[in-house]
Amino acid sequence: MRSGSGPYIVSFILGAALFVLTGMKGVSDFFFCIGSGFLVVGIVRLLSNLRMFASAGWGFRFFKRLIVGEARTGRTETEDYARYRERQGGHRDVGILLALAAGLIGIAAVTAFLIKT
């Protein structure tokens, strides 16, 4: 199964880019943007675990093989697709990413409430 620090770094960079590019200011906005980055990456990895992108990825590979002239028989392609689909997903850090997103967005809400009052 796949895991590592890559998704966390990408999530933070995505959230920081959202914060900078939208021109938001404030602590609550920062936490919300970072939480949004974690939410986006978590959802994409969740969809990958559900193998939602397997057919599209395989379709692009198959199209490339058709253009190059390396297409195989239908049965071989079907068996290759089944093996390819089995290798997709396997991201064990989805729960942690989504929990961090919920926590950071919750901190943003509390911070926004405390600053306004």
Protein backbone atom coordinates (compact mmCIF):
# COMPACT_ATOMS: atom_id res chain seq x y z
CA MET A 1 0.00 0.00 0.00
CA ARG A 2 1.15 3.49 -0.75
CA SER A 3 1.79 6.21 1.78
CA GLY A 4 4.38 8.84 2.52
CA SER A 5 4.73 12.54 3.14
CA GLY A 6 4.04 13.55 -0.48
CA PRO A 7 0.27 14.01 -0.18
CA TYR A 8 0.67 16.12 2.95
CA ILE A 9 3.21 18.40 1.29
CA VAL A 10 1.07 18.72 -1.85
CA SER A 11 -1.99 19.47 0.30
CA PHE A 12 -0.18 22.21 2.19
CA ILE A 13 1.26 23.74 -0.98
CA LEU A 14 -2.15 23.66 -2.65
CA GLY A 15 -3.75 25.35 0.36
CA ALA A 16 -0.97 27.94 0.61
CA ALA A 17 -1.30 28.72 -3.11
CA LEU A 18 -5.04 29.14 -2.65
CA PHE A 19 -4.41 31.53 0.25
CA VAL A 20 -1.87 33.60 -1.67
CA LEU A 21 -3.66 33.65 -5.02
CA THR A 22 -7.04 34.65 -3.60
CA GLY A 23 -5.54 37.47 -1.60
CA MET A 24 -7.17 36.40 1.64
CA LYS A 25 -5.91 37.81 4.90
CA GLY A 26 -6.29 36.56 8.41
CA VAL A 27 -5.64 33.47 10.47
CA SER A 28 -9.04 31.90 9.90
CA ASP A 29 -8.70 32.32 6.13
CA PHE A 30 -5.28 30.67 6.25
CA PHE A 31 -6.57 27.65 8.16
CA PHE A 32 -9.56 27.39 5.81
CA CYS A 33 -7.35 27.45 2.71
CA ILE A 34 -4.95 24.85 4.10
CA GLY A 35 -7.90 22.69 5.14
CA SER A 36 -9.34 23.03 1.65
CA GLY A 37 -6.06 21.80 0.17
CA PHE A 38 -6.18 18.73 2.41
CA LEU A 39 -9.83 18.17 1.48
CA VAL A 40 -9.14 18.26 -2.26
CA VAL A 41 -6.18 15.88 -2.06
CA GLY A 42 -8.09 13.57 0.29
CA ILE A 43 -11.09 13.38 -2.03
CA VAL A 44 -8.90 12.71 -5.08
CA ARG A 45 -7.12 9.89 -3.23
CA LEU A 46 -10.45 8.51 -2.02
CA LEU A 47 -11.72 8.43 -5.59
CA SER A 48 -8.50 6.73 -6.62
CA ASN A 49 -9.10 4.05 -3.98
CA LEU A 50 -12.53 3.52 -5.49
CA ARG A 51 -10.77 3.08 -8.86
CA MET A 52 -12.68 5.96 -10.41
CA PHE A 53 -9.74 6.96 -12.63
CA ALA A 54 -8.74 3.46 -13.75
CA SER A 55 -10.83 3.37 -16.92
CA ALA A 56 -9.72 6.85 -18.03
CA GLY A 57 -6.04 6.05 -17.44
CA TRP A 58 -6.37 2.74 -19.26
CA GLY A 59 -8.26 4.42 -22.10
CA PHE A 60 -5.43 6.88 -22.71
CA ARG A 61 -2.89 4.07 -22.70
CA PHE A 62 -5.01 2.00 -25.08
CA PHE A 63 -5.47 4.97 -27.42
CA LYS A 64 -1.70 5.49 -27.49
CA ARG A 65 -1.18 1.80 -28.33
CA LEU A 66 -3.76 2.08 -31.14
CA ILE A 67 -1.95 5.06 -32.67
CA VAL A 68 1.45 3.41 -32.39
CA GLY A 69 0.08 0.14 -33.72
CA GLU A 70 0.73 -1.99 -30.64
CA ALA A 71 -2.88 -3.00 -29.94
CA ARG A 72 -3.44 -6.62 -28.92
CA THR A 73 -6.40 -8.99 -29.05
CA GLY A 74 -9.56 -8.29 -27.08
CA ARG A 75 -8.98 -11.04 -24.53
CA THR A 76 -5.40 -9.93 -23.87
CA GLU A 77 -6.52 -6.31 -23.45
CA THR A 78 -9.27 -7.38 -21.05
CA GLU A 79 -6.86 -9.39 -18.91
CA ASP A 80 -4.31 -6.56 -18.94
CA TYR A 81 -7.02 -4.10 -17.86
CA ALA A 82 -8.04 -6.38 -14.97
CA ARG A 83 -4.43 -6.52 -13.75
CA TYR A 84 -4.06 -2.75 -14.19
CA ARG A 85 -7.24 -2.08 -12.22
CA GLU A 86 -6.06 -4.28 -9.35
CA ARG A 87 -2.91 -2.15 -9.02
CA GLN A 88 -4.91 1.10 -8.73
CA GLY A 89 -5.77 2.68 -5.39
CA GLY A 90 -4.33 1.45 -2.13
CA HIS A 91 -3.90 4.85 -0.50
CA ARG A 92 -4.14 4.26 3.25
CA ASP A 93 -3.79 7.90 4.25
CA VAL A 94 -7.23 9.02 3.03
CA GLY A 95 -8.77 9.03 6.50
CA ILE A 96 -5.93 11.08 7.94
CA LEU A 97 -6.10 13.62 5.10
CA LEU A 98 -9.86 14.05 5.47
CA ALA A 99 -9.60 14.26 9.27
CA LEU A 100 -6.91 16.95 8.97
CA ALA A 101 -9.13 18.82 6.52
CA ALA A 102 -12.08 18.69 8.92
CA GLY A 103 -9.88 19.74 11.84
CA LEU A 104 -8.31 22.66 9.99
CA ILE A 105 -11.66 23.90 8.68
CA GLY A 106 -13.05 23.55 12.21
CA ILE A 107 -10.15 25.60 13.58
CA ALA A 108 -10.88 28.20 10.89
CA ALA A 109 -14.52 28.38 11.98
CA VAL A 110 -13.63 28.72 15.67
CA THR A 111 -10.97 31.31 14.91
CA ALA A 112 -13.37 33.32 12.76
CA PHE A 113 -15.97 33.22 15.55
CA LEU A 114 -13.48 34.25 18.24
CA ILE A 115 -12.04 37.11 16.21
CA LYS A 116 -15.48 38.54 15.35
CA THR A 117 -16.72 38.54 18.95
